[in-house]
Amino acid sequence: MTIAHVRKRRPLAARSAAGFTLLEMLVVLVIVGLLVAVVTLAPSRNRRTDLAEEAQRLANLLESAGDEAQVRSMPIAWQPVGGGYRFVQRTESGTWAPMTDDLYRARRWGTEVTGVSVRYTGGGETPSRIVLGSESIDVPVTITLWSGDVRMAVVGTGIGNFIVRRP
């Protein structure tokens, strides 16, 4: 038998187990390259965006709570508490009780919020809560959220609207 005959008689599995083809290597490299590009170019979150989203969420909740106070003809208040905030409603006995429904339940700030300040237009003492009355006109108020050196303000216009601004 010659060498050519020996090569022809080797099983197919032995001939194909010699290694990867160039095409297989190129496919793997393209897949790895695409994965690296996706991870590298993926939009990363930043503090300003996260803080703006948290401020907008708060503005929407405050507007909704103001509408709810008008519908119920009963004041609802927003209170910053350690690490978060809650909504409370005035009971018939005149005390404030935490609201427990899903929309106005107590919430924790996201990790992006490191501080909160509340200021009514015109100065005065720092209020412990913002009361949203049964009337559509309230005193303008500014709630400032911050994360490091980034600040966002939720401004109550006094007519039931809350907007987000950069102070």
N, C-alpha and C. Protein backbone atom coordinates (compact mmCIF):
# COMPACT_ATOMS: atom_id res chain seq x y z
N MET A 1 0.83 -1.17 0.00
CA MET A 1 0.00 0.00 0.00
C MET A 1 0.87 1.24 0.00
N THR A 2 0.39 2.21 -0.73
CA THR A 2 1.15 3.45 -0.80
C THR A 2 0.60 4.43 0.23
N ILE A 3 1.29 5.54 0.41
CA ILE A 3 0.88 6.55 1.39
C ILE A 3 -0.46 7.17 0.98
N ALA A 4 -0.70 7.33 -0.29
CA ALA A 4 -1.96 7.90 -0.77
C ALA A 4 -3.13 7.02 -0.38
N HIS A 5 -2.93 5.71 -0.44
CA HIS A 5 -4.00 4.80 -0.04
C HIS A 5 -4.27 4.88 1.45
N VAL A 6 -3.25 5.09 2.28
CA VAL A 6 -3.42 5.17 3.73
C VAL A 6 -4.21 6.43 4.08
N ARG A 7 -3.91 7.54 3.40
CA ARG A 7 -4.64 8.78 3.66
C ARG A 7 -6.11 8.64 3.29
N LYS A 8 -6.38 7.94 2.21
CA LYS A 8 -7.76 7.79 1.79
C LYS A 8 -8.54 6.90 2.74
N ARG A 9 -7.89 6.01 3.42
CA ARG A 9 -8.61 5.08 4.29
C ARG A 9 -8.85 5.63 5.70
N ARG A 10 -8.26 6.79 6.07
CA ARG A 10 -8.51 7.34 7.41
C ARG A 10 -9.98 7.72 7.53
N PRO A 11 -10.57 7.52 8.67
CA PRO A 11 -11.97 7.89 8.85
C PRO A 11 -12.17 9.40 8.70
N LEU A 12 -13.39 9.80 8.36
CA LEU A 12 -13.72 11.20 8.13
C LEU A 12 -13.50 12.03 9.39
N ALA A 13 -13.83 11.50 10.54
CA ALA A 13 -13.69 12.24 11.79
C ALA A 13 -12.24 12.58 12.05
N ALA A 14 -11.33 11.71 11.71
CA ALA A 14 -9.91 11.97 11.94
C ALA A 14 -9.41 13.07 11.02
N ARG A 15 -9.92 13.13 9.79
CA ARG A 15 -9.49 14.17 8.85
C ARG A 15 -10.03 15.54 9.25
N SER A 16 -11.28 15.64 9.77
CA SER A 16 -11.87 16.94 10.08
C SER A 16 -11.48 17.45 11.46
N ALA A 17 -10.86 16.66 12.28
CA ALA A 17 -10.48 17.08 13.62
C ALA A 17 -9.14 17.80 13.63
N ALA A 18 -8.67 18.19 12.50
CA ALA A 18 -7.36 18.82 12.41
C ALA A 18 -7.36 20.23 12.97
N GLY A 19 -8.50 20.95 13.07
CA GLY A 19 -8.56 22.32 13.58
C GLY A 19 -9.71 23.09 12.99
N PHE A 20 -9.76 24.39 13.31
CA PHE A 20 -10.82 25.25 12.81
C PHE A 20 -10.49 25.74 11.42
N THR A 21 -11.52 25.97 10.66
CA THR A 21 -11.29 26.54 9.33
C THR A 21 -11.19 28.06 9.47
N LEU A 22 -10.69 28.69 8.47
CA LEU A 22 -10.56 30.14 8.46
C LEU A 22 -11.93 30.80 8.59
N LEU A 23 -12.92 30.25 7.95
CA LEU A 23 -14.27 30.81 8.00
C LEU A 23 -14.82 30.77 9.43
N GLU A 24 -14.62 29.65 10.12
CA GLU A 24 -15.09 29.54 11.50
C GLU A 24 -14.40 30.57 12.39
N MET A 25 -13.12 30.76 12.21
CA MET A 25 -12.38 31.75 13.00
C MET A 25 -12.89 33.16 12.73
N LEU A 26 -13.18 33.48 11.47
CA LEU A 26 -13.68 34.81 11.13
C LEU A 26 -15.06 35.06 11.73
N VAL A 27 -15.92 34.06 11.72
CA VAL A 27 -17.25 34.20 12.31
C VAL A 27 -17.13 34.48 13.81
N VAL A 28 -16.28 33.75 14.50
CA VAL A 28 -16.09 33.96 15.94
C VAL A 28 -15.55 35.37 16.20
N LEU A 29 -14.59 35.82 15.40
CA LEU A 29 -14.03 37.16 15.59
C LEU A 29 -15.06 38.25 15.34
N VAL A 30 -15.93 38.06 14.36
CA VAL A 30 -16.98 39.04 14.09
C VAL A 30 -17.95 39.11 15.27
N ILE A 31 -18.34 37.96 15.80
CA ILE A 31 -19.27 37.93 16.94
C ILE A 31 -18.65 38.61 18.15
N VAL A 32 -17.40 38.30 18.46
CA VAL A 32 -16.72 38.93 19.59
C VAL A 32 -16.61 40.44 19.37
N GLY A 33 -16.29 40.85 18.16
CA GLY A 33 -16.20 42.27 17.85
C GLY A 33 -17.52 43.00 18.04
N LEU A 34 -18.61 42.37 17.63
CA LEU A 34 -19.92 42.98 17.82
C LEU A 34 -20.27 43.10 19.29
N LEU A 35 -19.98 42.08 20.07
CA LEU A 35 -20.25 42.14 21.51
C LEU A 35 -19.45 43.25 22.19
N VAL A 36 -18.20 43.38 21.84
CA VAL A 36 -17.36 44.44 22.42
C VAL A 36 -17.91 45.81 22.03
N ALA A 37 -18.33 45.97 20.79
CA ALA A 37 -18.88 47.25 20.33
C ALA A 37 -20.17 47.60 21.07
N VAL A 38 -21.03 46.62 21.28
CA VAL A 38 -22.29 46.87 21.99
C VAL A 38 -22.02 47.29 23.42
N VAL A 39 -21.12 46.61 24.10
CA VAL A 39 -20.81 46.94 25.49
C VAL A 39 -20.15 48.32 25.57
N THR A 40 -19.26 48.61 24.66
CA THR A 40 -18.54 49.88 24.69
C THR A 40 -19.45 51.06 24.35
N LEU A 41 -20.31 50.90 23.39
CA LEU A 41 -21.14 52.00 22.92
C LEU A 41 -22.50 52.09 23.61
N ALA A 42 -22.78 51.18 24.53
CA ALA A 42 -24.06 51.21 25.23
C ALA A 42 -24.18 52.52 25.99
N PRO A 43 -25.34 53.16 25.91
CA PRO A 43 -25.49 54.44 26.61
C PRO A 43 -25.39 54.23 28.12
N SER A 44 -24.52 54.97 28.72
CA SER A 44 -24.35 54.84 30.16
C SER A 44 -25.21 55.89 30.86
N ARG A 45 -25.70 55.54 32.02
CA ARG A 45 -26.52 56.45 32.81
C ARG A 45 -25.61 57.49 33.46
N ASN A 46 -26.11 58.68 33.61
CA ASN A 46 -25.35 59.66 34.35
C ASN A 46 -26.24 60.27 35.42
N ARG A 47 -25.62 60.94 36.35
CA ARG A 47 -26.36 61.49 37.49
C ARG A 47 -27.41 62.51 37.06
N ARG A 48 -27.08 63.34 36.10
CA ARG A 48 -28.02 64.38 35.67
C ARG A 48 -29.30 63.76 35.10
N THR A 49 -29.16 62.74 34.27
CA THR A 49 -30.33 62.08 33.68
C THR A 49 -31.16 61.39 34.75
N ASP A 50 -30.50 60.66 35.65
CA ASP A 50 -31.23 59.96 36.71
C ASP A 50 -31.95 60.94 37.63
N LEU A 51 -31.28 62.04 37.97
CA LEU A 51 -31.89 63.04 38.84
C LEU A 51 -33.07 63.72 38.15
N ALA A 52 -32.94 64.00 36.86
CA ALA A 52 -34.04 64.61 36.10
C ALA A 52 -35.25 63.67 36.05
N GLU A 53 -35.02 62.38 35.89
CA GLU A 53 -36.12 61.41 35.88
C GLU A 53 -36.81 61.36 37.24
N GLU A 54 -36.03 61.37 38.32
CA GLU A 54 -36.60 61.34 39.67
C GLU A 54 -37.40 62.62 39.93
N ALA A 55 -36.89 63.77 39.49
CA ALA A 55 -37.59 65.04 39.66
C ALA A 55 -38.89 65.05 38.86
N GLN A 56 -38.87 64.53 37.65
CA GLN A 56 -40.09 64.49 36.83
C GLN A 56 -41.12 63.56 37.45
N ARG A 57 -40.68 62.44 38.00
CA ARG A 57 -41.60 61.51 38.68
C ARG A 57 -42.27 62.23 39.86
N LEU A 58 -41.48 62.98 40.63
CA LEU A 58 -42.03 63.71 41.77
C LEU A 58 -43.01 64.78 41.30
N ALA A 59 -42.67 65.52 40.25
CA ALA A 59 -43.57 66.56 39.72
C ALA A 59 -44.90 65.95 39.29
N ASN A 60 -44.86 64.82 38.63
CA ASN A 60 -46.10 64.16 38.19
C ASN A 60 -46.93 63.71 39.39
N LEU A 61 -46.28 63.16 40.41
CA LEU A 61 -47.00 62.73 41.60
C LEU A 61 -47.62 63.91 42.34
N LEU A 62 -46.90 65.03 42.43
CA LEU A 62 -47.43 66.20 43.11
C LEU A 62 -48.64 66.77 42.37
N GLU A 63 -48.58 66.82 41.06
CA GLU A 63 -49.74 67.28 40.28
C GLU A 63 -50.94 66.37 40.50
N SER A 64 -50.69 65.08 40.47
CA SER A 64 -51.76 64.11 40.67
C SER A 64 -52.35 64.23 42.08
N ALA A 65 -51.48 64.41 43.07
CA ALA A 65 -51.96 64.54 44.46
C ALA A 65 -52.77 65.83 44.62
N GLY A 66 -52.37 66.90 43.94
CA GLY A 66 -53.15 68.14 43.99
C GLY A 66 -54.53 67.94 43.40
N ASP A 67 -54.60 67.23 42.28
CA ASP A 67 -55.91 66.93 41.68
C ASP A 67 -56.75 66.07 42.61
N GLU A 68 -56.10 65.09 43.24
CA GLU A 68 -56.80 64.20 44.17
C GLU A 68 -57.35 64.99 45.37
N ALA A 69 -56.58 65.94 45.88
CA ALA A 69 -57.02 66.76 47.00
C ALA A 69 -58.26 67.58 46.62
N GLN A 70 -58.30 68.07 45.39
CA GLN A 70 -59.46 68.83 44.94
C GLN A 70 -60.68 67.94 44.79
N VAL A 71 -60.49 66.74 44.25
CA VAL A 71 -61.61 65.82 44.07
C VAL A 71 -62.18 65.39 45.42
N ARG A 72 -61.31 65.09 46.37
CA ARG A 72 -61.75 64.64 47.69
C ARG A 72 -62.19 65.79 48.59
N SER A 73 -61.84 67.02 48.23
CA SER A 73 -62.06 68.20 49.08
C SER A 73 -61.42 67.99 50.45
N MET A 74 -60.24 67.42 50.42
CA MET A 74 -59.50 67.15 51.65
C MET A 74 -58.01 67.32 51.35
N PRO A 75 -57.29 68.08 52.18
CA PRO A 75 -55.88 68.33 51.90
C PRO A 75 -55.03 67.05 51.90
N ILE A 76 -54.07 67.04 50.99
CA ILE A 76 -53.06 65.99 50.92
C ILE A 76 -51.72 66.70 51.01
N ALA A 77 -50.79 66.13 51.76
CA ALA A 77 -49.48 66.77 51.92
C ALA A 77 -48.39 65.82 51.46
N TRP A 78 -47.31 66.42 50.99
CA TRP A 78 -46.09 65.67 50.62
C TRP A 78 -45.05 65.97 51.68
N GLN A 79 -44.40 64.93 52.17
CA GLN A 79 -43.40 65.06 53.22
C GLN A 79 -42.12 64.36 52.85
N PRO A 80 -40.99 65.09 52.87
CA PRO A 80 -39.72 64.37 52.73
C PRO A 80 -39.41 63.67 54.05
N VAL A 81 -39.02 62.43 53.98
CA VAL A 81 -38.63 61.67 55.17
C VAL A 81 -37.25 61.08 54.90
N GLY A 82 -36.61 60.58 55.93
CA GLY A 82 -35.26 60.05 55.79
C GLY A 82 -35.12 59.06 54.65
N GLY A 83 -34.40 59.44 53.61
CA GLY A 83 -34.15 58.55 52.49
C GLY A 83 -35.28 58.43 51.49
N GLY A 84 -36.32 59.26 51.61
CA GLY A 84 -37.43 59.16 50.67
C GLY A 84 -38.49 60.21 50.93
N TYR A 85 -39.73 59.88 50.62
CA TYR A 85 -40.84 60.80 50.83
C TYR A 85 -42.13 60.00 50.95
N ARG A 86 -43.15 60.68 51.43
CA ARG A 86 -44.47 60.06 51.54
C ARG A 86 -45.54 61.11 51.38
N PHE A 87 -46.72 60.65 51.08
CA PHE A 87 -47.89 61.51 51.02
C PHE A 87 -48.75 61.18 52.23
N VAL A 88 -49.30 62.22 52.84
CA VAL A 88 -50.18 62.04 53.99
C VAL A 88 -51.48 62.79 53.71
N GLN A 89 -52.55 62.33 54.33
CA GLN A 89 -53.84 63.00 54.15
C GLN A 89 -54.39 63.39 55.51
N ARG A 90 -55.13 64.46 55.51
CA ARG A 90 -55.72 64.93 56.76
C ARG A 90 -56.94 64.07 57.06
N THR A 91 -56.99 63.58 58.27
CA THR A 91 -58.13 62.76 58.69
C THR A 91 -59.23 63.66 59.23
N GLU A 92 -60.37 63.09 59.51
CA GLU A 92 -61.49 63.87 60.04
C GLU A 92 -61.18 64.43 61.41
N SER A 93 -60.29 63.77 62.15
CA SER A 93 -59.91 64.28 63.47
C SER A 93 -58.86 65.39 63.39
N GLY A 94 -58.38 65.69 62.18
CA GLY A 94 -57.42 66.77 62.00
C GLY A 94 -55.96 66.35 62.02
N THR A 95 -55.70 65.08 62.20
CA THR A 95 -54.31 64.60 62.19
C THR A 95 -53.93 64.19 60.76
N TRP A 96 -52.65 63.99 60.55
CA TRP A 96 -52.15 63.55 59.25
C TRP A 96 -51.87 62.07 59.30
N ALA A 97 -52.38 61.32 58.34
CA ALA A 97 -52.17 59.87 58.27
C ALA A 97 -51.52 59.52 56.94
N PRO A 98 -50.53 58.63 56.95
CA PRO A 98 -49.88 58.24 55.69
C PRO A 98 -50.87 57.59 54.73
N MET A 99 -50.74 57.92 53.45
CA MET A 99 -51.57 57.31 52.42
C MET A 99 -50.94 55.97 52.05
N THR A 100 -51.78 54.98 51.85
CA THR A 100 -51.26 53.63 51.61
C THR A 100 -51.62 53.09 50.23
N ASP A 101 -52.38 53.85 49.44
CA ASP A 101 -52.71 53.30 48.12
C ASP A 101 -51.45 53.26 47.25
N ASP A 102 -51.52 52.54 46.17
CA ASP A 102 -50.33 52.24 45.37
C ASP A 102 -49.68 53.50 44.79
N LEU A 103 -50.46 54.47 44.38
CA LEU A 103 -49.90 55.66 43.76
C LEU A 103 -49.21 56.58 44.76
N TYR A 104 -49.78 56.72 45.94
CA TYR A 104 -49.26 57.67 46.93
C TYR A 104 -48.57 57.00 48.11
N ARG A 105 -48.15 55.79 47.93
CA ARG A 105 -47.45 55.08 49.01
C ARG A 105 -46.10 55.75 49.29
N ALA A 106 -45.54 55.46 50.44
CA ALA A 106 -44.21 55.98 50.78
C ALA A 106 -43.18 55.39 49.81
N ARG A 107 -42.24 56.22 49.41
CA ARG A 107 -41.22 55.78 48.44
C ARG A 107 -39.84 56.18 48.94
N ARG A 108 -38.86 55.41 48.50
CA ARG A 108 -37.46 55.74 48.78
C ARG A 108 -36.90 56.45 47.56
N TRP A 109 -36.01 57.40 47.81
CA TRP A 109 -35.33 58.04 46.69
C TRP A 109 -34.46 57.01 46.00
N GLY A 110 -34.24 57.19 44.72
CA GLY A 110 -33.27 56.37 44.02
C GLY A 110 -31.88 56.70 44.55
N THR A 111 -30.92 55.89 44.22
CA THR A 111 -29.56 56.10 44.72
C THR A 111 -28.98 57.42 44.23
N GLU A 112 -29.58 58.01 43.19
CA GLU A 112 -29.03 59.26 42.65
C GLU A 112 -29.36 60.48 43.50
N VAL A 113 -30.38 60.43 44.37
CA VAL A 113 -30.75 61.59 45.18
C VAL A 113 -30.01 61.52 46.52
N THR A 114 -29.19 62.55 46.77
CA THR A 114 -28.43 62.58 48.02
C THR A 114 -28.91 63.67 48.97
N GLY A 115 -29.79 64.56 48.50
CA GLY A 115 -30.30 65.61 49.37
C GLY A 115 -31.54 66.26 48.80
N VAL A 116 -32.34 66.86 49.71
CA VAL A 116 -33.60 67.51 49.33
C VAL A 116 -33.75 68.78 50.16
N SER A 117 -34.21 69.85 49.53
CA SER A 117 -34.58 71.04 50.29
C SER A 117 -35.91 71.56 49.75
N VAL A 118 -36.69 72.16 50.65
CA VAL A 118 -38.01 72.68 50.30
C VAL A 118 -38.04 74.16 50.69
N ARG A 119 -38.53 74.99 49.77
CA ARG A 119 -38.59 76.43 50.03
C ARG A 119 -39.84 77.00 49.38
N TYR A 120 -40.63 77.69 50.19
CA TYR A 120 -41.77 78.42 49.63
C TYR A 120 -41.27 79.74 49.07
N THR A 121 -41.87 80.18 47.98
CA THR A 121 -41.53 81.48 47.41
C THR A 121 -41.88 82.55 48.44
N GLY A 122 -40.95 83.44 48.68
CA GLY A 122 -41.17 84.47 49.69
C GLY A 122 -40.40 84.18 50.96
N GLY A 123 -39.71 83.05 51.01
CA GLY A 123 -38.86 82.74 52.16
C GLY A 123 -39.63 82.17 53.32
N GLY A 124 -39.16 82.51 54.51
CA GLY A 124 -39.78 81.97 55.71
C GLY A 124 -39.09 80.69 56.14
N GLU A 125 -39.72 80.01 57.08
CA GLU A 125 -39.16 78.76 57.59
C GLU A 125 -39.22 77.66 56.55
N THR A 126 -38.32 76.70 56.71
CA THR A 126 -38.36 75.52 55.85
C THR A 126 -39.52 74.64 56.30
N PRO A 127 -40.47 74.39 55.43
CA PRO A 127 -41.64 73.60 55.84
C PRO A 127 -41.31 72.12 56.00
N SER A 128 -42.03 71.46 56.90
CA SER A 128 -41.84 70.02 57.08
C SER A 128 -42.66 69.23 56.07
N ARG A 129 -43.66 69.88 55.47
CA ARG A 129 -44.50 69.23 54.45
C ARG A 129 -45.06 70.29 53.52
N ILE A 130 -45.42 69.86 52.34
CA ILE A 130 -46.08 70.74 51.37
C ILE A 130 -47.54 70.30 51.31
N VAL A 131 -48.42 71.22 51.66
CA VAL A 131 -49.84 70.90 51.69
C VAL A 131 -50.47 71.29 50.36
N LEU A 132 -51.11 70.32 49.75
CA LEU A 132 -51.84 70.52 48.50
C LEU A 132 -53.31 70.59 48.88
N GLY A 133 -53.86 71.80 48.84
CA GLY A 133 -55.21 72.01 49.34
C GLY A 133 -56.30 71.63 48.37
N SER A 134 -57.51 71.85 48.83
CA SER A 134 -58.67 71.53 48.01
C SER A 134 -58.96 72.64 47.00
N GLU A 135 -58.25 73.78 47.10
CA GLU A 135 -58.39 74.84 46.12
C GLU A 135 -57.34 74.64 45.04
N SER A 136 -57.59 75.23 43.88
CA SER A 136 -56.65 75.05 42.78
C SER A 136 -55.48 76.03 42.85
N ILE A 137 -55.52 77.01 43.76
CA ILE A 137 -54.44 77.98 43.88
C ILE A 137 -53.73 77.76 45.20
N ASP A 138 -52.43 77.55 45.13
CA ASP A 138 -51.60 77.35 46.32
C ASP A 138 -50.43 78.32 46.27
N VAL A 139 -49.64 78.31 47.33
CA VAL A 139 -48.44 79.13 47.38
C VAL A 139 -47.35 78.47 46.53
N PRO A 140 -46.67 79.22 45.66
CA PRO A 140 -45.57 78.63 44.87
C PRO A 140 -44.49 78.06 45.78
N VAL A 141 -43.94 76.92 45.38
CA VAL A 141 -42.95 76.22 46.19
C VAL A 141 -41.87 75.64 45.28
N THR A 142 -40.67 75.50 45.82
CA THR A 142 -39.57 74.88 45.08
C THR A 142 -38.98 73.75 45.91
N ILE A 143 -38.94 72.57 45.32
CA ILE A 143 -38.29 71.41 45.94
C ILE A 143 -37.03 71.16 45.14
N THR A 144 -35.89 71.24 45.79
CA THR A 144 -34.62 71.04 45.10
C THR A 144 -34.05 69.68 45.48
N LEU A 145 -33.77 68.87 44.47
CA LEU A 145 -33.13 67.57 44.66
C LEU A 145 -31.69 67.70 44.20
N TRP A 146 -30.77 67.05 44.89
CA TRP A 146 -29.40 67.08 44.41
C TRP A 146 -28.70 65.75 44.57
N SER A 147 -27.70 65.61 43.73
CA SER A 147 -26.85 64.42 43.73
C SER A 147 -25.44 64.93 43.46
N GLY A 148 -24.64 64.99 44.50
CA GLY A 148 -23.31 65.57 44.36
C GLY A 148 -23.46 67.04 44.02
N ASP A 149 -22.88 67.48 42.92
CA ASP A 149 -22.98 68.88 42.50
C ASP A 149 -24.10 69.12 41.49
N VAL A 150 -24.87 68.11 41.15
CA VAL A 150 -25.97 68.23 40.19
C VAL A 150 -27.25 68.52 40.96
N ARG A 151 -28.00 69.53 40.50
CA ARG A 151 -29.25 69.90 41.16
C ARG A 151 -30.40 69.97 40.15
N MET A 152 -31.57 69.59 40.59
CA MET A 152 -32.80 69.73 39.81
C MET A 152 -33.86 70.29 40.74
N ALA A 153 -34.66 71.21 40.23
CA ALA A 153 -35.71 71.82 41.04
C ALA A 153 -37.08 71.44 40.48
N VAL A 154 -37.96 71.05 41.38
CA VAL A 154 -39.37 70.83 41.05
C VAL A 154 -40.09 72.07 41.56
N VAL A 155 -40.63 72.85 40.64
CA VAL A 155 -41.22 74.14 40.99
C VAL A 155 -42.73 74.06 40.87
N GLY A 156 -43.41 74.32 41.99
CA GLY A 156 -44.86 74.42 41.99
C GLY A 156 -45.25 75.84 41.65
N THR A 157 -46.02 76.02 40.59
CA THR A 157 -46.34 77.36 40.10
C THR A 157 -47.39 78.08 40.93
N GLY A 158 -48.09 77.35 41.77
CA GLY A 158 -49.15 77.96 42.57
C GLY A 158 -50.53 77.74 41.98
N ILE A 159 -50.59 77.26 40.74
CA ILE A 159 -51.90 77.00 40.12
C ILE A 159 -52.08 75.52 39.80
N GLY A 160 -51.36 74.68 40.53
CA GLY A 160 -51.53 73.24 40.37
C GLY A 160 -50.54 72.56 39.46
N ASN A 161 -49.69 73.33 38.80
CA ASN A 161 -48.68 72.74 37.90
C ASN A 161 -47.34 72.63 38.61
N PHE A 162 -46.62 71.58 38.30
CA PHE A 162 -45.25 71.39 38.81
C PHE A 162 -44.36 71.13 37.62
N ILE A 163 -43.28 71.89 37.52
CA ILE A 163 -42.36 71.75 36.41
C ILE A 163 -40.96 71.49 36.95
N VAL A 164 -40.13 70.86 36.12
CA VAL A 164 -38.75 70.55 36.51
C VAL A 164 -37.83 71.54 35.82
N ARG A 165 -36.94 72.12 36.61
CA ARG A 165 -35.95 73.08 36.08
C ARG A 165 -34.59 72.77 36.66
N ARG A 166 -33.58 73.22 35.95
CA ARG A 166 -32.22 73.18 36.51
C ARG A 166 -31.98 74.52 37.20
N PRO A 167 -31.73 74.52 38.51
CA PRO A 167 -31.54 75.80 39.22
C PRO A 167 -30.24 76.49 38.83
